[in-house]
């Protein structure tokens, strides 16, 4: 399998040089291959979100390298990082963050417009994704009219709208009840497996983590096999 993401010696400290400095990542190393689904586990506050933000080029490391498809983005310009995020990476968060003034399908179409996809093509692809996770019948509803599980499934579709090679998910079912969480997780895994993308999914749920290909643990700023 080809490697799509590699972190090498990644370090991150907040308030560097100050008495209350907090070292979050300390020489973190990690590799993710195409088609692989990896669970990221750690206690709250250990730095999972920071790691995902650095891996997804939303934040910068103090030291180390972040390579996507073999290209090192350490020191890359904001424009280069933004293009890579838009074309290569999909994000899912614990809260859906759907835009309330747009319908469900419009939320899935919007990322495609950033890549200059024509309206008809964007709508067709959005409906295809929404059908895969069983929310196509809610396409014209705004987020407030959807259940929590439906909102999160729409958020998955939005993350996959531009056909990313990498999916980064931060507690994607953490805000749902156990029954809905299981259903939504299955929908997410189905989308990931169908597309063959790579995924790094942070979760507190050991049962969900066990259903992924492997587990890595963030401990003392480093990533270790679970």
N, C-alpha and C. Protein backbone atom coordinates (compact mmCIF):
# COMPACT_ATOMS: atom_id res chain seq x y z
N UNK A 1 0.84 -1.20 0.00
CA UNK A 1 0.00 0.00 0.00
C UNK A 1 0.88 1.25 0.00
N UNK A 2 0.48 2.25 -0.73
CA UNK A 2 1.26 3.47 -0.81
C UNK A 2 1.03 4.33 0.42
N UNK A 3 2.05 4.99 0.87
CA UNK A 3 1.98 5.85 2.05
C UNK A 3 1.42 7.22 1.65
N UNK A 4 0.39 7.67 2.38
CA UNK A 4 -0.22 8.96 2.05
C UNK A 4 0.07 10.04 3.09
N UNK A 5 0.43 9.63 4.29
CA UNK A 5 0.71 10.59 5.36
C UNK A 5 1.85 10.08 6.22
N UNK A 6 2.80 10.97 6.51
CA UNK A 6 3.89 10.61 7.44
C UNK A 6 4.23 11.80 8.31
N UNK A 7 4.26 11.55 9.61
CA UNK A 7 4.75 12.53 10.58
C UNK A 7 6.10 12.06 11.09
N UNK A 8 7.08 12.95 11.09
CA UNK A 8 8.42 12.58 11.52
C UNK A 8 8.93 13.59 12.54
N UNK A 9 9.14 13.13 13.76
CA UNK A 9 9.71 13.98 14.80
C UNK A 9 8.91 15.23 15.08
N UNK A 10 7.59 15.13 15.04
CA UNK A 10 6.74 16.31 15.21
C UNK A 10 6.71 16.76 16.67
N UNK A 11 6.96 18.04 16.88
CA UNK A 11 6.94 18.63 18.22
C UNK A 11 5.98 19.81 18.25
N UNK A 12 5.29 19.96 19.37
CA UNK A 12 4.39 21.10 19.54
C UNK A 12 4.30 21.45 21.01
N UNK A 13 4.64 22.71 21.33
CA UNK A 13 4.55 23.21 22.70
C UNK A 13 3.78 24.53 22.68
N UNK A 14 2.79 24.63 23.53
CA UNK A 14 2.05 25.88 23.66
C UNK A 14 2.70 26.76 24.73
N UNK A 15 2.71 28.07 24.46
CA UNK A 15 3.36 29.04 25.36
C UNK A 15 4.84 28.73 25.54
N UNK A 16 5.50 28.46 24.42
CA UNK A 16 6.94 28.15 24.46
C UNK A 16 7.73 29.28 25.11
N UNK A 17 8.66 28.89 25.97
CA UNK A 17 9.52 29.86 26.63
C UNK A 17 8.90 30.52 27.84
N UNK A 18 7.67 30.14 28.16
CA UNK A 18 7.00 30.73 29.31
C UNK A 18 6.91 29.71 30.45
N UNK A 19 6.73 30.17 31.68
CA UNK A 19 6.67 29.24 32.82
C UNK A 19 5.54 28.22 32.71
N UNK A 20 4.45 28.60 32.05
CA UNK A 20 3.31 27.69 31.93
C UNK A 20 3.30 26.95 30.60
N UNK A 21 4.48 26.77 29.98
CA UNK A 21 4.58 26.06 28.70
C UNK A 21 4.02 24.65 28.83
N UNK A 22 3.29 24.22 27.78
CA UNK A 22 2.68 22.89 27.76
C UNK A 22 3.18 22.14 26.54
N UNK A 23 3.99 21.12 26.76
CA UNK A 23 4.48 20.28 25.66
C UNK A 23 3.43 19.23 25.33
N UNK A 24 2.90 19.29 24.11
CA UNK A 24 1.82 18.38 23.70
C UNK A 24 2.37 17.24 22.86
N UNK A 25 3.24 17.56 21.92
CA UNK A 25 3.84 16.53 21.07
C UNK A 25 5.35 16.61 21.21
N UNK A 26 5.99 15.46 21.36
CA UNK A 26 7.42 15.42 21.61
C UNK A 26 8.07 14.35 20.74
N UNK A 27 8.35 14.70 19.50
CA UNK A 27 8.98 13.74 18.59
C UNK A 27 8.02 12.68 18.11
N UNK A 28 6.79 13.06 17.79
CA UNK A 28 5.78 12.10 17.34
C UNK A 28 6.08 11.61 15.92
N UNK A 29 6.05 10.29 15.74
CA UNK A 29 6.25 9.66 14.43
C UNK A 29 5.03 8.82 14.10
N UNK A 30 4.61 8.87 12.83
CA UNK A 30 3.42 8.12 12.43
C UNK A 30 3.38 8.02 10.91
N UNK A 31 2.89 6.88 10.42
CA UNK A 31 2.70 6.71 8.98
C UNK A 31 1.34 6.09 8.72
N UNK A 32 0.69 6.54 7.65
CA UNK A 32 -0.64 6.08 7.27
C UNK A 32 -0.62 5.73 5.79
N UNK A 33 -1.12 4.54 5.48
CA UNK A 33 -1.12 4.07 4.09
C UNK A 33 -2.50 4.11 3.48
N UNK A 34 -2.57 4.17 2.18
CA UNK A 34 -3.84 4.19 1.46
C UNK A 34 -4.68 2.97 1.83
N UNK A 35 -5.95 3.19 2.08
CA UNK A 35 -6.86 2.11 2.41
C UNK A 35 -6.84 1.66 3.86
N UNK A 36 -5.99 2.27 4.67
CA UNK A 36 -5.83 1.89 6.07
C UNK A 36 -6.68 2.78 6.97
N UNK A 37 -7.33 2.16 7.96
CA UNK A 37 -8.13 2.90 8.94
C UNK A 37 -7.50 2.68 10.32
N UNK A 38 -7.03 3.77 10.91
CA UNK A 38 -6.29 3.68 12.18
C UNK A 38 -7.02 4.45 13.27
N UNK A 39 -7.13 3.82 14.43
CA UNK A 39 -7.73 4.47 15.59
C UNK A 39 -6.66 5.18 16.39
N UNK A 40 -6.94 6.41 16.78
CA UNK A 40 -6.05 7.20 17.64
C UNK A 40 -6.70 7.32 19.00
N UNK A 41 -6.07 6.78 20.02
CA UNK A 41 -6.65 6.81 21.36
C UNK A 41 -5.70 7.51 22.33
N UNK A 42 -6.31 8.22 23.27
CA UNK A 42 -5.55 8.93 24.31
C UNK A 42 -6.55 9.55 25.25
N UNK A 43 -6.14 9.85 26.49
CA UNK A 43 -7.04 10.55 27.41
C UNK A 43 -7.36 11.95 26.90
N UNK A 44 -8.44 12.53 27.39
CA UNK A 44 -8.77 13.90 27.05
C UNK A 44 -7.63 14.83 27.46
N UNK A 45 -7.31 15.77 26.59
CA UNK A 45 -6.26 16.71 26.89
C UNK A 45 -4.86 16.24 26.55
N UNK A 46 -4.75 15.04 26.00
CA UNK A 46 -3.42 14.49 25.70
C UNK A 46 -2.84 15.04 24.40
N UNK A 47 -3.68 15.65 23.56
CA UNK A 47 -3.16 16.24 22.33
C UNK A 47 -3.66 15.62 21.05
N UNK A 48 -4.74 14.83 21.12
CA UNK A 48 -5.26 14.19 19.90
C UNK A 48 -5.67 15.23 18.86
N UNK A 49 -6.40 16.23 19.30
CA UNK A 49 -6.87 17.26 18.36
C UNK A 49 -5.70 18.03 17.76
N UNK A 50 -4.71 18.33 18.59
CA UNK A 50 -3.52 19.02 18.08
C UNK A 50 -2.83 18.19 17.02
N UNK A 51 -2.69 16.91 17.27
CA UNK A 51 -2.05 16.02 16.31
C UNK A 51 -2.82 16.01 14.99
N UNK A 52 -4.14 15.89 15.07
CA UNK A 52 -4.96 15.86 13.86
C UNK A 52 -4.87 17.19 13.10
N UNK A 53 -4.85 18.30 13.82
CA UNK A 53 -4.76 19.61 13.17
C UNK A 53 -3.41 19.78 12.46
N UNK A 54 -2.35 19.28 13.06
CA UNK A 54 -1.03 19.36 12.41
C UNK A 54 -0.98 18.42 11.21
N UNK A 55 -1.49 17.20 11.37
CA UNK A 55 -1.51 16.25 10.25
C UNK A 55 -2.35 16.76 9.09
N UNK A 56 -3.41 17.51 9.42
CA UNK A 56 -4.30 18.04 8.39
C UNK A 56 -3.95 19.42 7.92
N UNK A 57 -2.75 19.93 8.31
CA UNK A 57 -2.24 21.22 7.86
C UNK A 57 -3.09 22.40 8.31
N UNK A 58 -3.86 22.21 9.39
CA UNK A 58 -4.61 23.31 9.98
C UNK A 58 -3.76 24.06 11.00
N UNK A 59 -2.73 23.40 11.50
CA UNK A 59 -1.81 24.00 12.46
C UNK A 59 -0.40 23.61 12.05
N UNK A 60 0.57 24.32 12.57
CA UNK A 60 1.96 24.03 12.24
C UNK A 60 2.70 23.48 13.45
N UNK A 61 3.64 22.60 13.19
CA UNK A 61 4.47 22.04 14.26
C UNK A 61 5.62 22.98 14.56
N UNK A 62 6.16 22.89 15.77
CA UNK A 62 7.35 23.66 16.13
C UNK A 62 8.59 23.05 15.49
N UNK A 63 8.55 21.74 15.27
CA UNK A 63 9.67 21.03 14.65
C UNK A 63 9.14 19.73 14.05
N UNK A 64 9.93 19.15 13.16
CA UNK A 64 9.52 17.91 12.53
C UNK A 64 8.92 18.13 11.15
N UNK A 65 8.52 17.03 10.52
CA UNK A 65 8.00 17.07 9.16
C UNK A 65 6.60 16.46 9.08
N UNK A 66 5.79 17.03 8.21
CA UNK A 66 4.49 16.48 7.87
C UNK A 66 4.48 16.30 6.37
N UNK A 67 4.51 15.05 5.93
CA UNK A 67 4.56 14.74 4.50
C UNK A 67 3.23 14.13 4.05
N UNK A 68 2.67 14.67 2.97
CA UNK A 68 1.44 14.16 2.37
C UNK A 68 1.75 13.76 0.94
N UNK A 69 1.51 12.49 0.65
CA UNK A 69 1.85 11.94 -0.67
C UNK A 69 3.31 12.22 -1.02
N UNK A 70 4.17 12.13 0.01
CA UNK A 70 5.60 12.29 -0.19
C UNK A 70 6.10 13.71 -0.23
N UNK A 71 5.22 14.69 -0.09
CA UNK A 71 5.61 16.10 -0.13
C UNK A 71 5.64 16.65 1.29
N UNK A 72 6.78 17.18 1.71
CA UNK A 72 6.93 17.73 3.05
C UNK A 72 6.35 19.14 3.10
N UNK A 73 5.42 19.37 4.03
CA UNK A 73 4.76 20.66 4.14
C UNK A 73 5.31 21.51 5.28
N UNK A 74 6.38 21.08 5.91
CA UNK A 74 7.01 21.91 6.94
C UNK A 74 7.51 23.19 6.28
N UNK A 75 7.07 24.32 6.77
CA UNK A 75 7.49 25.59 6.21
C UNK A 75 6.78 26.00 4.93
N UNK A 76 5.78 25.23 4.51
CA UNK A 76 5.05 25.55 3.28
C UNK A 76 4.20 26.80 3.47
N UNK A 77 3.93 27.50 2.39
CA UNK A 77 3.12 28.72 2.45
C UNK A 77 1.67 28.38 2.80
N UNK A 78 0.94 29.39 3.28
CA UNK A 78 -0.47 29.19 3.59
C UNK A 78 -1.24 28.75 2.35
N UNK A 79 -0.90 29.34 1.21
CA UNK A 79 -1.61 29.00 -0.03
C UNK A 79 -1.39 27.54 -0.40
N UNK A 80 -0.18 27.06 -0.27
CA UNK A 80 0.13 25.66 -0.60
C UNK A 80 -0.58 24.72 0.37
N UNK A 81 -0.62 25.07 1.63
CA UNK A 81 -1.28 24.24 2.63
C UNK A 81 -2.79 24.22 2.39
N UNK A 82 -3.36 25.36 2.05
CA UNK A 82 -4.79 25.43 1.79
C UNK A 82 -5.18 24.59 0.59
N UNK A 83 -4.39 24.64 -0.46
CA UNK A 83 -4.67 23.83 -1.66
C UNK A 83 -4.60 22.34 -1.33
N UNK A 84 -3.60 21.95 -0.56
CA UNK A 84 -3.46 20.53 -0.18
C UNK A 84 -4.64 20.07 0.66
N UNK A 85 -5.08 20.92 1.59
CA UNK A 85 -6.25 20.55 2.41
C UNK A 85 -7.48 20.36 1.53
N UNK A 86 -7.70 21.29 0.64
CA UNK A 86 -8.90 21.27 -0.19
C UNK A 86 -8.92 20.05 -1.13
N UNK A 87 -7.75 19.66 -1.63
CA UNK A 87 -7.69 18.62 -2.64
C UNK A 87 -7.44 17.23 -2.07
N UNK A 88 -6.90 17.14 -0.86
CA UNK A 88 -6.39 15.86 -0.38
C UNK A 88 -6.99 15.38 0.93
N UNK A 89 -7.49 16.30 1.76
CA UNK A 89 -7.84 15.95 3.13
C UNK A 89 -9.31 16.27 3.42
N UNK A 90 -9.97 15.34 4.10
CA UNK A 90 -11.32 15.57 4.59
C UNK A 90 -11.32 15.55 6.11
N UNK A 91 -12.13 16.42 6.73
CA UNK A 91 -12.18 16.52 8.19
C UNK A 91 -13.59 16.23 8.69
N UNK A 92 -13.67 15.50 9.81
CA UNK A 92 -14.93 15.29 10.52
C UNK A 92 -14.66 15.56 12.00
N UNK A 93 -15.55 16.33 12.62
CA UNK A 93 -15.37 16.69 14.03
C UNK A 93 -16.48 16.08 14.88
N UNK A 94 -16.33 16.19 16.20
CA UNK A 94 -17.34 15.66 17.11
C UNK A 94 -18.68 16.33 16.89
N UNK A 95 -18.66 17.64 16.65
CA UNK A 95 -19.88 18.38 16.34
C UNK A 95 -19.90 18.64 14.84
N UNK A 96 -21.06 18.53 14.25
CA UNK A 96 -21.16 18.48 12.79
C UNK A 96 -20.72 19.76 12.09
N UNK A 97 -20.91 20.92 12.72
CA UNK A 97 -20.52 22.20 12.13
C UNK A 97 -21.13 22.44 10.75
N UNK A 98 -22.33 21.95 10.53
CA UNK A 98 -23.02 22.24 9.27
C UNK A 98 -23.48 23.69 9.28
N UNK A 99 -23.54 24.30 8.12
CA UNK A 99 -24.00 25.68 8.02
C UNK A 99 -25.51 25.72 8.10
N UNK A 100 -26.07 26.37 9.12
CA UNK A 100 -27.51 26.27 9.39
C UNK A 100 -28.40 26.90 8.33
N UNK A 101 -27.86 27.86 7.58
CA UNK A 101 -28.69 28.56 6.59
C UNK A 101 -28.81 27.81 5.27
N UNK A 102 -28.07 26.69 5.15
CA UNK A 102 -28.11 25.90 3.92
C UNK A 102 -28.76 24.54 4.19
N UNK A 103 -29.33 23.96 3.16
CA UNK A 103 -29.92 22.62 3.29
C UNK A 103 -28.81 21.59 3.42
N UNK A 104 -29.21 20.35 3.73
CA UNK A 104 -28.22 19.28 3.88
C UNK A 104 -27.42 19.09 2.60
N UNK A 105 -28.11 19.03 1.47
CA UNK A 105 -27.40 18.79 0.22
C UNK A 105 -26.52 19.98 -0.15
N UNK A 106 -26.97 21.18 0.16
CA UNK A 106 -26.14 22.35 -0.12
C UNK A 106 -24.85 22.33 0.70
N UNK A 107 -24.93 21.85 1.94
CA UNK A 107 -23.74 21.72 2.77
C UNK A 107 -22.72 20.76 2.14
N UNK A 108 -23.22 19.72 1.48
CA UNK A 108 -22.33 18.76 0.83
C UNK A 108 -21.81 19.29 -0.51
N UNK A 109 -22.57 20.16 -1.13
CA UNK A 109 -22.17 20.72 -2.42
C UNK A 109 -21.11 21.82 -2.27
N UNK A 110 -21.16 22.57 -1.18
CA UNK A 110 -20.30 23.75 -1.03
C UNK A 110 -18.80 23.46 -1.19
N UNK A 111 -18.26 22.41 -0.57
CA UNK A 111 -16.83 22.15 -0.76
C UNK A 111 -16.47 21.90 -2.23
N UNK A 112 -17.40 21.33 -2.97
CA UNK A 112 -17.12 21.05 -4.37
C UNK A 112 -17.02 22.33 -5.19
N UNK A 113 -17.80 23.33 -4.82
CA UNK A 113 -17.73 24.60 -5.53
C UNK A 113 -16.35 25.23 -5.40
N UNK A 114 -15.70 25.01 -4.24
CA UNK A 114 -14.35 25.54 -4.05
C UNK A 114 -13.36 24.92 -5.03
N UNK A 115 -13.70 23.73 -5.55
CA UNK A 115 -12.87 23.07 -6.56
C UNK A 115 -13.44 23.25 -7.96
N UNK A 116 -14.35 24.23 -8.11
CA UNK A 116 -14.91 24.59 -9.42
C UNK A 116 -15.71 23.46 -10.06
N UNK A 117 -16.35 22.63 -9.24
CA UNK A 117 -17.22 21.58 -9.78
C UNK A 117 -18.55 22.22 -10.19
N UNK A 118 -19.05 21.95 -11.40
CA UNK A 118 -20.33 22.52 -11.84
C UNK A 118 -21.49 22.11 -10.93
N UNK A 119 -22.51 22.95 -10.85
CA UNK A 119 -23.63 22.75 -9.94
C UNK A 119 -24.28 21.39 -10.12
N UNK A 120 -24.58 21.00 -11.34
CA UNK A 120 -25.28 19.73 -11.57
C UNK A 120 -24.43 18.54 -11.14
N UNK A 121 -23.16 18.59 -11.44
CA UNK A 121 -22.26 17.52 -11.04
C UNK A 121 -22.12 17.46 -9.52
N UNK A 122 -22.01 18.63 -8.88
CA UNK A 122 -21.88 18.68 -7.42
C UNK A 122 -23.12 18.11 -6.75
N UNK A 123 -24.29 18.46 -7.27
CA UNK A 123 -25.54 17.96 -6.69
C UNK A 123 -25.66 16.44 -6.85
N UNK A 124 -25.30 15.94 -8.03
CA UNK A 124 -25.38 14.50 -8.28
C UNK A 124 -24.45 13.73 -7.35
N UNK A 125 -23.22 14.23 -7.19
CA UNK A 125 -22.26 13.55 -6.31
C UNK A 125 -22.71 13.63 -4.86
N UNK A 126 -23.26 14.77 -4.45
CA UNK A 126 -23.75 14.93 -3.08
C UNK A 126 -24.86 13.93 -2.79
N UNK A 127 -25.80 13.80 -3.72
CA UNK A 127 -26.90 12.85 -3.54
C UNK A 127 -26.40 11.41 -3.48
N UNK A 128 -25.39 11.12 -4.27
CA UNK A 128 -24.81 9.77 -4.26
C UNK A 128 -24.22 9.45 -2.90
N UNK A 129 -23.46 10.39 -2.35
CA UNK A 129 -22.88 10.18 -1.03
C UNK A 129 -23.97 10.05 0.03
N UNK A 130 -24.95 10.94 -0.02
CA UNK A 130 -26.01 10.93 0.99
C UNK A 130 -26.84 9.66 0.92
N UNK A 131 -27.02 9.13 -0.28
CA UNK A 131 -27.74 7.87 -0.44
C UNK A 131 -26.97 6.72 0.21
N UNK A 132 -25.65 6.77 0.10
CA UNK A 132 -24.81 5.71 0.66
C UNK A 132 -24.99 5.58 2.17
N UNK A 133 -25.21 6.71 2.84
CA UNK A 133 -25.37 6.67 4.30
C UNK A 133 -26.82 6.88 4.73
N UNK A 134 -27.74 6.81 3.78
CA UNK A 134 -29.17 6.81 4.10
C UNK A 134 -29.77 8.13 4.53
N UNK A 135 -29.26 9.24 4.02
CA UNK A 135 -29.86 10.53 4.36
C UNK A 135 -30.27 11.32 3.12
N UNK A 136 -30.31 10.67 1.97
CA UNK A 136 -30.68 11.36 0.75
C UNK A 136 -32.12 11.89 0.79
N UNK A 137 -32.99 11.20 1.56
CA UNK A 137 -34.37 11.65 1.67
C UNK A 137 -34.50 12.93 2.50
N UNK A 138 -33.40 13.34 3.14
CA UNK A 138 -33.40 14.56 3.95
C UNK A 138 -32.61 15.67 3.26
N UNK A 139 -32.35 15.50 1.99
CA UNK A 139 -31.46 16.40 1.26
C UNK A 139 -31.87 17.87 1.35
N UNK A 140 -33.16 18.14 1.30
CA UNK A 140 -33.63 19.52 1.25
C UNK A 140 -33.92 20.12 2.62
N UNK A 141 -33.69 19.34 3.67
CA UNK A 141 -33.91 19.84 5.02
C UNK A 141 -32.68 20.59 5.53
N UNK A 142 -32.92 21.61 6.31
CA UNK A 142 -31.81 22.31 6.95
C UNK A 142 -31.34 21.52 8.18
N UNK A 143 -30.11 21.74 8.63
CA UNK A 143 -29.56 20.96 9.74
C UNK A 143 -30.45 20.91 10.98
N UNK A 144 -31.12 22.02 11.32
CA UNK A 144 -31.94 22.05 12.54
C UNK A 144 -33.08 21.04 12.49
N UNK A 145 -33.47 20.63 11.29
CA UNK A 145 -34.58 19.67 11.15
C UNK A 145 -34.10 18.22 11.17
N UNK A 146 -32.78 18.02 11.28
CA UNK A 146 -32.22 16.67 11.25
C UNK A 146 -31.90 16.19 12.66
N UNK A 147 -31.92 14.88 12.86
CA UNK A 147 -31.49 14.31 14.13
C UNK A 147 -29.97 14.42 14.23
N UNK A 148 -29.44 14.17 15.43
CA UNK A 148 -27.99 14.23 15.62
C UNK A 148 -27.25 13.27 14.71
N UNK A 149 -27.77 12.06 14.59
CA UNK A 149 -27.14 11.06 13.72
C UNK A 149 -27.18 11.47 12.26
N UNK A 150 -28.31 12.05 11.84
CA UNK A 150 -28.42 12.51 10.46
C UNK A 150 -27.47 13.66 10.18
N UNK A 151 -27.37 14.58 11.13
CA UNK A 151 -26.45 15.70 10.96
C UNK A 151 -25.01 15.21 10.78
N UNK A 152 -24.63 14.23 11.59
CA UNK A 152 -23.25 13.76 11.50
C UNK A 152 -23.01 12.99 10.21
N UNK A 153 -24.01 12.27 9.72
CA UNK A 153 -23.84 11.57 8.45
C UNK A 153 -23.71 12.57 7.30
N UNK A 154 -24.45 13.66 7.36
CA UNK A 154 -24.29 14.72 6.36
C UNK A 154 -22.89 15.31 6.45
N UNK A 155 -22.39 15.47 7.67
CA UNK A 155 -21.03 15.99 7.85
C UNK A 155 -19.99 15.05 7.24
N UNK A 156 -20.22 13.73 7.35
CA UNK A 156 -19.32 12.77 6.70
C UNK A 156 -19.32 13.00 5.19
N UNK A 157 -20.52 13.15 4.64
CA UNK A 157 -20.63 13.35 3.19
C UNK A 157 -19.91 14.62 2.77
N UNK A 158 -20.05 15.67 3.56
CA UNK A 158 -19.35 16.91 3.26
C UNK A 158 -17.84 16.70 3.26
N UNK A 159 -17.33 15.94 4.24
CA UNK A 159 -15.90 15.69 4.34
C UNK A 159 -15.38 14.91 3.14
N UNK A 160 -16.24 14.07 2.56
CA UNK A 160 -15.81 13.23 1.45
C UNK A 160 -16.18 13.81 0.09
N UNK A 161 -16.78 14.99 0.09
CA UNK A 161 -17.32 15.55 -1.15
C UNK A 161 -16.26 15.75 -2.23
N UNK A 162 -15.06 16.12 -1.85
CA UNK A 162 -14.00 16.37 -2.83
C UNK A 162 -13.09 15.17 -3.03
N UNK A 163 -13.57 13.99 -2.63
CA UNK A 163 -12.86 12.73 -2.84
C UNK A 163 -11.43 12.77 -2.29
N UNK A 164 -11.30 13.09 -1.00
CA UNK A 164 -9.96 13.18 -0.41
C UNK A 164 -9.28 11.82 -0.34
N UNK A 165 -7.97 11.84 -0.26
CA UNK A 165 -7.21 10.60 -0.07
C UNK A 165 -7.05 10.29 1.40
N UNK A 166 -7.21 11.32 2.25
CA UNK A 166 -7.03 11.15 3.69
C UNK A 166 -8.24 11.72 4.42
N UNK A 167 -8.77 10.96 5.37
CA UNK A 167 -9.84 11.44 6.24
C UNK A 167 -9.29 11.52 7.66
N UNK A 168 -9.46 12.67 8.29
CA UNK A 168 -9.07 12.87 9.69
C UNK A 168 -10.35 13.15 10.47
N UNK A 169 -10.62 12.34 11.48
CA UNK A 169 -11.87 12.46 12.24
C UNK A 169 -11.56 12.56 13.72
N UNK A 170 -12.13 13.59 14.37
CA UNK A 170 -11.87 13.85 15.79
C UNK A 170 -13.13 13.52 16.59
N UNK A 171 -13.15 12.35 17.22
CA UNK A 171 -14.30 11.88 17.99
C UNK A 171 -15.61 12.04 17.19
N UNK A 172 -15.69 11.44 16.00
CA UNK A 172 -16.83 11.70 15.12
C UNK A 172 -18.17 11.20 15.64
N UNK A 173 -18.15 10.30 16.63
CA UNK A 173 -19.42 9.83 17.20
C UNK A 173 -19.52 10.17 18.68
N UNK A 174 -18.61 11.01 19.17
CA UNK A 174 -18.55 11.30 20.61
C UNK A 174 -19.74 12.07 21.14
N UNK A 175 -20.51 12.70 20.28
CA UNK A 175 -21.65 13.51 20.71
C UNK A 175 -22.98 12.79 20.54
N UNK A 176 -22.91 11.46 20.27
CA UNK A 176 -24.12 10.69 19.98
C UNK A 176 -24.35 9.63 21.04
N UNK A 177 -25.62 9.21 21.18
CA UNK A 177 -25.92 8.11 22.10
C UNK A 177 -25.34 6.82 21.53
N UNK A 178 -25.16 5.77 22.37
CA UNK A 178 -24.48 4.56 21.92
C UNK A 178 -25.09 3.91 20.68
N UNK A 179 -26.42 3.82 20.63
CA UNK A 179 -27.06 3.19 19.48
C UNK A 179 -26.82 3.96 18.20
N UNK A 180 -27.01 5.27 18.26
CA UNK A 180 -26.79 6.12 17.09
C UNK A 180 -25.31 6.13 16.72
N UNK A 181 -24.44 6.14 17.73
CA UNK A 181 -23.01 6.13 17.50
C UNK A 181 -22.60 4.93 16.66
N UNK A 182 -23.13 3.76 16.99
CA UNK A 182 -22.78 2.55 16.26
C UNK A 182 -23.25 2.63 14.81
N UNK A 183 -24.47 3.11 14.61
CA UNK A 183 -25.02 3.24 13.26
C UNK A 183 -24.21 4.22 12.42
N UNK A 184 -23.87 5.35 13.02
CA UNK A 184 -23.13 6.38 12.31
C UNK A 184 -21.71 5.92 12.01
N UNK A 185 -21.10 5.20 12.96
CA UNK A 185 -19.75 4.68 12.73
C UNK A 185 -19.75 3.70 11.57
N UNK A 186 -20.75 2.83 11.51
CA UNK A 186 -20.84 1.89 10.40
C UNK A 186 -20.97 2.62 9.07
N UNK A 187 -21.74 3.71 9.07
CA UNK A 187 -21.89 4.50 7.85
C UNK A 187 -20.55 5.11 7.44
N UNK A 188 -19.82 5.63 8.42
CA UNK A 188 -18.52 6.22 8.13
C UNK A 188 -17.56 5.17 7.58
N UNK A 189 -17.51 4.02 8.22
CA UNK A 189 -16.60 2.96 7.77
C UNK A 189 -16.97 2.49 6.37
N UNK A 190 -18.27 2.44 6.08
CA UNK A 190 -18.70 2.04 4.74
C UNK A 190 -18.20 3.02 3.69
N UNK A 191 -18.32 4.31 3.98
CA UNK A 191 -17.84 5.32 3.05
C UNK A 191 -16.33 5.21 2.84
N UNK A 192 -15.60 5.03 3.94
CA UNK A 192 -14.15 4.96 3.86
C UNK A 192 -13.72 3.73 3.06
N UNK A 193 -14.31 2.59 3.36
CA UNK A 193 -13.94 1.35 2.67
C UNK A 193 -14.30 1.41 1.19
N UNK A 194 -15.45 1.98 0.88
CA UNK A 194 -15.89 2.05 -0.52
C UNK A 194 -14.96 2.92 -1.37
N UNK A 195 -14.40 3.95 -0.77
CA UNK A 195 -13.56 4.88 -1.52
C UNK A 195 -12.08 4.50 -1.50
N UNK A 196 -11.69 3.64 -0.55
CA UNK A 196 -10.29 3.23 -0.47
C UNK A 196 -9.37 4.28 0.10
N UNK A 197 -9.93 5.29 0.74
CA UNK A 197 -9.09 6.32 1.34
C UNK A 197 -8.44 5.83 2.63
N UNK A 198 -7.50 6.60 3.13
CA UNK A 198 -6.89 6.33 4.42
C UNK A 198 -7.60 7.17 5.47
N UNK A 199 -7.69 6.66 6.69
CA UNK A 199 -8.39 7.40 7.73
C UNK A 199 -7.67 7.26 9.06
N UNK A 200 -7.56 8.38 9.77
CA UNK A 200 -7.07 8.41 11.15
C UNK A 200 -8.21 8.96 11.99
N UNK A 201 -8.72 8.13 12.90
CA UNK A 201 -9.94 8.45 13.63
C UNK A 201 -9.67 8.44 15.13
N UNK A 202 -9.78 9.61 15.75
CA UNK A 202 -9.62 9.70 17.20
C UNK A 202 -10.92 9.27 17.87
N UNK A 203 -10.80 8.41 18.88
CA UNK A 203 -11.99 7.95 19.59
C UNK A 203 -11.65 7.56 21.02
N UNK A 204 -12.65 7.76 21.91
CA UNK A 204 -12.54 7.28 23.28
C UNK A 204 -13.16 5.89 23.42
N UNK A 205 -13.84 5.44 22.39
CA UNK A 205 -14.63 4.21 22.46
C UNK A 205 -13.76 3.01 22.09
N UNK A 206 -13.42 2.14 23.06
CA UNK A 206 -12.54 1.00 22.76
C UNK A 206 -13.17 0.00 21.80
N UNK A 207 -14.50 -0.12 21.81
CA UNK A 207 -15.16 -1.05 20.90
C UNK A 207 -15.04 -0.57 19.45
N UNK A 208 -15.21 0.74 19.24
CA UNK A 208 -15.05 1.28 17.89
C UNK A 208 -13.59 1.17 17.44
N UNK A 209 -12.67 1.47 18.34
CA UNK A 209 -11.24 1.39 18.01
C UNK A 209 -10.86 -0.02 17.58
N UNK A 210 -11.42 -1.01 18.24
CA UNK A 210 -11.08 -2.40 17.94
C UNK A 210 -11.57 -2.84 16.56
N UNK A 211 -12.50 -2.10 15.98
CA UNK A 211 -13.02 -2.46 14.66
C UNK A 211 -12.21 -1.83 13.52
N UNK A 212 -11.19 -1.07 13.86
CA UNK A 212 -10.33 -0.49 12.84
C UNK A 212 -9.13 -1.40 12.59
N UNK A 213 -8.31 -1.04 11.61
CA UNK A 213 -7.20 -1.92 11.21
C UNK A 213 -6.12 -2.02 12.27
N UNK A 214 -5.85 -0.92 12.93
CA UNK A 214 -4.88 -0.93 14.03
C UNK A 214 -5.13 0.28 14.93
N UNK A 215 -4.49 0.26 16.09
CA UNK A 215 -4.68 1.31 17.08
C UNK A 215 -3.33 1.90 17.43
N UNK A 216 -3.26 3.24 17.49
CA UNK A 216 -2.07 3.90 18.02
C UNK A 216 -2.48 4.72 19.23
N UNK A 217 -1.58 4.82 20.17
CA UNK A 217 -1.86 5.50 21.43
C UNK A 217 -0.93 6.71 21.55
N UNK A 218 -1.52 7.85 21.89
CA UNK A 218 -0.73 9.07 22.12
C UNK A 218 -0.40 9.13 23.60
N UNK A 219 0.89 9.02 23.89
CA UNK A 219 1.33 8.98 25.28
C UNK A 219 2.62 9.77 25.44
N UNK A 220 2.62 10.73 26.37
CA UNK A 220 3.79 11.57 26.62
C UNK A 220 4.31 12.22 25.35
N UNK A 221 3.38 12.61 24.49
CA UNK A 221 3.74 13.34 23.28
C UNK A 221 4.20 12.49 22.13
N UNK A 222 4.15 11.17 22.28
CA UNK A 222 4.60 10.27 21.22
C UNK A 222 3.48 9.29 20.85
N UNK A 223 3.57 8.77 19.63
CA UNK A 223 2.59 7.80 19.16
C UNK A 223 3.19 6.40 19.26
N UNK A 224 2.45 5.54 19.97
CA UNK A 224 2.93 4.18 20.22
C UNK A 224 1.88 3.17 19.77
N UNK A 225 2.30 1.97 19.34
CA UNK A 225 1.32 0.93 19.03
C UNK A 225 0.55 0.56 20.29
N UNK A 226 -0.76 0.36 20.16
CA UNK A 226 -1.57 0.01 21.34
C UNK A 226 -1.37 -1.46 21.68
